[in-house]
Amino acid sequence: EAARLGGIGSCGRELCCSTWLTDFRSVNTSAARYQQLSLNPQKLSGQCGRLKCCLNYELDAYRSAIKAFPKPEVKLHTEKGIGIFQKMDIFKGVLWYSYKNDWITWHKLTAEAATKIIQKNKAKEVVSSLEEYVEEEIDSVEFDRIGAQIAKQVIVQKVREAEKLKTI
């Protein structure tokens, strides 16, 4: 039905099913987990009410890209403390770690830097600190700014969707 009627997806583009997508494979939530998306059904559902087809379309790219990253369950051992994985950005090639005793401050490391620390840890070497390898630190103030930017993007998207519905 959605393919026949057409429309604009949450990404701001014309619906894939009404333009170029012809292979309608079943989509499940494991595709969303691989892509580290929230399992919120409202965000994962397309206009047809089923899971978004683009989850499958992008899955192969995520699977191959994630191989270049260390496993999230691996801890980074430093003299300052144990680094715990917090978040990964596949597109930028970075991971965020925080110390076990300091959850507020996140340290942004490249995948290569995290892998280097893991290799040193396997060789029974302990690095002095995550800061030695850090690309950028993010604290709670930065999260507030990022959260505001995301909220603004969501609001702009909702306004566009509402305007599109008015023209139909």
C-alpha atoms as a PDB file:
ATOM      1  CA  GLU A   1       0.000   0.000   0.000  1.00  0.00           C
ATOM      2  CA  ALA A   2       2.741   2.470   0.975  1.00  0.00           C
ATOM      3  CA  ALA A   3       4.692   1.576  -2.162  1.00  0.00           C
ATOM      4  CA  ARG A   4       1.658   2.258  -4.327  1.00  0.00           C
ATOM      5  CA  LEU A   5       0.804   5.561  -2.663  1.00  0.00           C
ATOM      6  CA  GLY A   6       4.386   6.774  -2.261  1.00  0.00           C
ATOM      7  CA  GLY A   7       5.535   9.332   0.256  1.00  0.00           C
ATOM      8  CA  ILE A   8       8.519  10.668   2.120  1.00  0.00           C
ATOM      9  CA  GLY A   9      10.423   8.465   4.571  1.00  0.00           C
ATOM     10  CA  SER A  10      11.828   9.557   7.913  1.00  0.00           C
ATOM     11  CA  CYS A  11      15.184  10.077   6.173  1.00  0.00           C
ATOM     12  CA  GLY A  12      13.619  12.851   4.084  1.00  0.00           C
ATOM     13  CA  ARG A  13      13.813  10.932   0.812  1.00  0.00           C
ATOM     14  CA  GLU A  14      11.105   9.366  -1.282  1.00  0.00           C
ATOM     15  CA  LEU A  15      10.111   5.911  -0.037  1.00  0.00           C
ATOM     16  CA  CYS A  16      12.512   3.226  -1.231  1.00  0.00           C
ATOM     17  CA  CYS A  17       9.672   0.800  -1.937  1.00  0.00           C
ATOM     18  CA  SER A  18       7.997   3.270  -4.274  1.00  0.00           C
ATOM     19  CA  THR A  19      11.146   4.216  -6.201  1.00  0.00           C
ATOM     20  CA  TRP A  20      13.891   1.635  -6.593  1.00  0.00           C
ATOM     21  CA  LEU A  21      13.460  -1.251  -4.118  1.00  0.00           C
ATOM     22  CA  THR A  22      11.999  -4.350  -5.742  1.00  0.00           C
ATOM     23  CA  ASP A  23      13.345  -7.138  -3.505  1.00  0.00           C
ATOM     24  CA  PHE A  24      11.168  -7.191  -0.380  1.00  0.00           C
ATOM     25  CA  ARG A  25      13.028  -9.502   1.998  1.00  0.00           C
ATOM     26  CA  SER A  26      11.738  -9.907   5.531  1.00  0.00           C
ATOM     27  CA  VAL A  27      13.280  -7.512   8.043  1.00  0.00           C
ATOM     28  CA  ASN A  28      13.884  -8.364  11.699  1.00  0.00           C
ATOM     29  CA  THR A  29      15.192  -6.539  14.744  1.00  0.00           C
ATOM     30  CA  SER A  30      18.638  -8.132  14.550  1.00  0.00           C
ATOM     31  CA  ALA A  31      19.357  -5.747  11.661  1.00  0.00           C
ATOM     32  CA  ALA A  32      18.616  -2.827  14.004  1.00  0.00           C
ATOM     33  CA  ARG A  33      20.846  -4.312  16.711  1.00  0.00           C
ATOM     34  CA  TYR A  34      23.782  -4.606  14.307  1.00  0.00           C
ATOM     35  CA  GLN A  35      23.315  -0.952  13.385  1.00  0.00           C
ATOM     36  CA  GLN A  36      23.153  -0.007  17.079  1.00  0.00           C
ATOM     37  CA  LEU A  37      19.705   1.516  16.753  1.00  0.00           C
ATOM     38  CA  SER A  38      17.209   1.874  19.544  1.00  0.00           C
ATOM     39  CA  LEU A  39      14.655  -0.917  19.389  1.00  0.00           C
ATOM     40  CA  ASN A  40      11.837   1.612  19.494  1.00  0.00           C
ATOM     41  CA  PRO A  41       9.097   0.270  17.162  1.00  0.00           C
ATOM     42  CA  GLN A  42       7.909   3.786  16.302  1.00  0.00           C
ATOM     43  CA  LYS A  43      11.325   4.703  14.912  1.00  0.00           C
ATOM     44  CA  LEU A  44      11.953   1.382  13.188  1.00  0.00           C
ATOM     45  CA  SER A  45       8.592   1.112  11.462  1.00  0.00           C
ATOM     46  CA  GLY A  46       8.080   2.355   7.950  1.00  0.00           C
ATOM     47  CA  GLN A  47       4.906   3.907   6.606  1.00  0.00           C
ATOM     48  CA  CYS A  48       3.560   0.443   5.834  1.00  0.00           C
ATOM     49  CA  GLY A  49       3.674  -0.403   9.547  1.00  0.00           C
ATOM     50  CA  ARG A  50       6.389  -3.049   9.139  1.00  0.00           C
ATOM     51  CA  LEU A  51      10.094  -2.694   9.903  1.00  0.00           C
ATOM     52  CA  LYS A  52      11.874  -0.331   7.513  1.00  0.00           C
ATOM     53  CA  CYS A  53      13.300  -2.042   4.434  1.00  0.00           C
ATOM     54  CA  CYS A  54      16.406   0.150   4.600  1.00  0.00           C
ATOM     55  CA  LEU A  55      17.491  -1.757   7.726  1.00  0.00           C
ATOM     56  CA  ASN A  56      18.233  -4.769   5.514  1.00  0.00           C
ATOM     57  CA  TYR A  57      19.639  -2.656   2.722  1.00  0.00           C
ATOM     58  CA  GLU A  58      22.297  -1.129   4.993  1.00  0.00           C
ATOM     59  CA  LEU A  59      22.993  -4.279   7.030  1.00  0.00           C
ATOM     60  CA  ASP A  60      25.773  -5.708   4.837  1.00  0.00           C
ATOM     61  CA  ALA A  61      27.705  -2.436   4.975  1.00  0.00           C
ATOM     62  CA  TYR A  62      27.460  -2.406   8.785  1.00  0.00           C
ATOM     63  CA  ARG A  63      28.533  -6.037   9.078  1.00  0.00           C
ATOM     64  CA  SER A  64      31.657  -5.488   7.011  1.00  0.00           C
ATOM     65  CA  ALA A  65      32.519  -2.139   8.667  1.00  0.00           C
ATOM     66  CA  ILE A  66      32.148  -3.450  12.214  1.00  0.00           C
ATOM     67  CA  LYS A  67      34.896  -6.038  11.607  1.00  0.00           C
ATOM     68  CA  ALA A  68      37.486  -3.231  11.787  1.00  0.00           C
ATOM     69  CA  PHE A  69      36.458  -2.423  15.379  1.00  0.00           C
ATOM     70  CA  PRO A  70      37.412  -4.148  18.626  1.00  0.00           C
ATOM     71  CA  LYS A  71      34.639  -6.070  20.359  1.00  0.00           C
ATOM     72  CA  PRO A  72      32.634  -3.892  22.801  1.00  0.00           C
ATOM     73  CA  GLU A  73      33.023  -6.342  25.684  1.00  0.00           C
ATOM     74  CA  VAL A  74      36.844  -5.994  25.663  1.00  0.00           C
ATOM     75  CA  LYS A  75      38.078  -3.722  28.439  1.00  0.00           C
ATOM     76  CA  LEU A  76      41.103  -1.451  28.095  1.00  0.00           C
ATOM     77  CA  HIS A  77      43.506  -1.801  31.027  1.00  0.00           C
ATOM     78  CA  THR A  78      45.484   1.315  31.954  1.00  0.00           C
ATOM     79  CA  GLU A  79      47.414   2.483  35.004  1.00  0.00           C
ATOM     80  CA  LYS A  80      44.669   5.063  35.596  1.00  0.00           C
ATOM     81  CA  GLY A  81      41.910   2.450  35.558  1.00  0.00           C
ATOM     82  CA  ILE A  82      39.872   0.137  33.385  1.00  0.00           C
ATOM     83  CA  GLY A  83      38.396   1.608  30.204  1.00  0.00           C
ATOM     84  CA  ILE A  84      34.826   0.479  29.527  1.00  0.00           C
ATOM     85  CA  PHE A  85      33.274   0.673  26.058  1.00  0.00           C
ATOM     86  CA  GLN A  86      30.404   3.181  25.804  1.00  0.00           C
ATOM     87  CA  LYS A  87      29.601   3.868  22.164  1.00  0.00           C
ATOM     88  CA  MET A  88      30.802   3.299  18.607  1.00  0.00           C
ATOM     89  CA  ASP A  89      30.484   5.426  15.467  1.00  0.00           C
ATOM     90  CA  ILE A  90      31.116   3.184  12.497  1.00  0.00           C
ATOM     91  CA  PHE A  91      31.052   5.990   9.949  1.00  0.00           C
ATOM     92  CA  LYS A  92      33.681   8.097  11.727  1.00  0.00           C
ATOM     93  CA  GLY A  93      35.750   5.100  12.819  1.00  0.00           C
ATOM     94  CA  VAL A  94      35.770   6.045  16.495  1.00  0.00           C
ATOM     95  CA  LEU A  95      34.821   4.519  19.829  1.00  0.00           C
ATOM     96  CA  TRP A  96      34.120   6.148  23.174  1.00  0.00           C
ATOM     97  CA  TYR A  97      35.411   4.712  26.428  1.00  0.00           C
ATOM     98  CA  SER A  98      35.084   5.861  30.001  1.00  0.00           C
ATOM     99  CA  TYR A  99      36.914   4.766  33.104  1.00  0.00           C
ATOM    100  CA  LYS A 100      35.077   2.340  35.339  1.00  0.00           C
ATOM    101  CA  ASN A 101      35.189   4.889  38.167  1.00  0.00           C
ATOM    102  CA  ASP A 102      34.409   7.950  35.997  1.00  0.00           C
ATOM    103  CA  TRP A 103      31.329   7.368  33.832  1.00  0.00           C
ATOM    104  CA  ILE A 104      30.822  11.066  33.097  1.00  0.00           C
ATOM    105  CA  THR A 105      33.923  11.684  30.987  1.00  0.00           C
ATOM    106  CA  TRP A 106      34.106   9.803  27.715  1.00  0.00           C
ATOM    107  CA  HIS A 107      37.342   9.478  25.761  1.00  0.00           C
ATOM    108  CA  LYS A 108      37.110   9.348  21.976  1.00  0.00           C
ATOM    109  CA  LEU A 109      39.564   6.858  20.469  1.00  0.00           C
ATOM    110  CA  THR A 110      40.062   5.773  16.903  1.00  0.00           C
ATOM    111  CA  ALA A 111      39.527   2.083  16.203  1.00  0.00           C
ATOM    112  CA  GLU A 112      43.271   1.794  15.549  1.00  0.00           C
ATOM    113  CA  ALA A 113      44.155   3.350  18.919  1.00  0.00           C
ATOM    114  CA  ALA A 114      41.781   1.038  20.808  1.00  0.00           C
ATOM    115  CA  THR A 115      43.184  -1.970  18.946  1.00  0.00           C
ATOM    116  CA  LYS A 116      46.728  -0.859  19.804  1.00  0.00           C
ATOM    117  CA  ILE A 117      45.825  -0.682  23.519  1.00  0.00           C
ATOM    118  CA  ILE A 118      44.199  -4.133  23.337  1.00  0.00           C
ATOM    119  CA  GLN A 119      47.311  -5.584  21.691  1.00  0.00           C
ATOM    120  CA  LYS A 120      49.525  -4.077  24.393  1.00  0.00           C
ATOM    121  CA  ASN A 121      47.198  -5.472  27.066  1.00  0.00           C
ATOM    122  CA  LYS A 122      47.425  -8.949  25.493  1.00  0.00           C
ATOM    123  CA  ALA A 123      51.227  -8.628  25.646  1.00  0.00           C
ATOM    124  CA  LYS A 124      50.809  -7.943  29.397  1.00  0.00           C
ATOM    125  CA  GLU A 125      51.638  -4.255  28.913  1.00  0.00           C
ATOM    126  CA  VAL A 126      49.534  -1.663  30.676  1.00  0.00           C
ATOM    127  CA  VAL A 127      49.368   1.763  29.046  1.00  0.00           C
ATOM    128  CA  SER A 128      49.447   4.838  31.281  1.00  0.00           C
ATOM    129  CA  SER A 129      46.003   6.198  30.370  1.00  0.00           C
ATOM    130  CA  LEU A 130      43.328   6.502  27.704  1.00  0.00           C
ATOM    131  CA  GLU A 131      44.200  10.194  27.430  1.00  0.00           C
ATOM    132  CA  GLU A 132      47.488   9.165  25.870  1.00  0.00           C
ATOM    133  CA  TYR A 133      45.529   7.833  22.866  1.00  0.00           C
ATOM    134  CA  VAL A 134      42.521  10.138  23.008  1.00  0.00           C
ATOM    135  CA  GLU A 135      41.289  11.995  19.976  1.00  0.00           C
ATOM    136  CA  GLU A 136      38.763  14.122  21.863  1.00  0.00           C
ATOM    137  CA  GLU A 137      37.086  14.150  25.278  1.00  0.00           C
ATOM    138  CA  ILE A 138      33.348  14.624  25.629  1.00  0.00           C
ATOM    139  CA  ASP A 139      31.711  15.593  28.877  1.00  0.00           C
ATOM    140  CA  SER A 140      28.097  16.072  29.914  1.00  0.00           C
ATOM    141  CA  VAL A 141      27.987  19.662  28.535  1.00  0.00           C
ATOM    142  CA  GLU A 142      28.891  18.317  25.093  1.00  0.00           C
ATOM    143  CA  PHE A 143      26.125  15.715  25.387  1.00  0.00           C
ATOM    144  CA  ASP A 144      23.606  18.462  26.134  1.00  0.00           C
ATOM    145  CA  ARG A 145      24.691  20.320  22.980  1.00  0.00           C
ATOM    146  CA  ILE A 146      24.553  17.154  20.874  1.00  0.00           C
ATOM    147  CA  GLY A 147      21.138  16.291  22.332  1.00  0.00           C
ATOM    148  CA  ALA A 148      19.851  19.772  21.427  1.00  0.00           C
ATOM    149  CA  GLN A 149      21.113  19.369  17.847  1.00  0.00           C
ATOM    150  CA  ILE A 150      19.409  16.002  17.502  1.00  0.00           C
ATOM    151  CA  ALA A 151      16.167  17.384  18.934  1.00  0.00           C
ATOM    152  CA  LYS A 152      16.308  20.272  16.459  1.00  0.00           C
ATOM    153  CA  GLN A 153      16.802  17.854  13.551  1.00  0.00           C
ATOM    154  CA  VAL A 154      13.847  15.765  14.701  1.00  0.00           C
ATOM    155  CA  ILE A 155      11.614  18.834  14.985  1.00  0.00           C
ATOM    156  CA  VAL A 156      12.613  20.069  11.516  1.00  0.00           C
ATOM    157  CA  GLN A 157      11.883  16.603  10.099  1.00  0.00           C
ATOM    158  CA  LYS A 158       8.444  16.497  11.775  1.00  0.00           C
ATOM    159  CA  VAL A 159       7.595  19.961  10.409  1.00  0.00           C
ATOM    160  CA  ARG A 160       8.596  18.844   6.896  1.00  0.00           C
ATOM    161  CA  GLU A 161       6.478  15.708   7.196  1.00  0.00           C
ATOM    162  CA  ALA A 162       3.494  17.753   8.412  1.00  0.00           C
ATOM    163  CA  GLU A 163       3.890  20.235   5.534  1.00  0.00           C
ATOM    164  CA  LYS A 164       4.078  17.351   3.070  1.00  0.00           C
ATOM    165  CA  LEU A 165       0.844  15.889   4.445  1.00  0.00           C
ATOM    166  CA  LYS A 166      -0.901  19.261   4.067  1.00  0.00           C
ATOM    167  CA  THR A 167      -0.048  19.368   0.350  1.00  0.00           C
ATOM    168  CA  ILE A 168      -1.515  15.893  -0.283  1.00  0.00           C
END
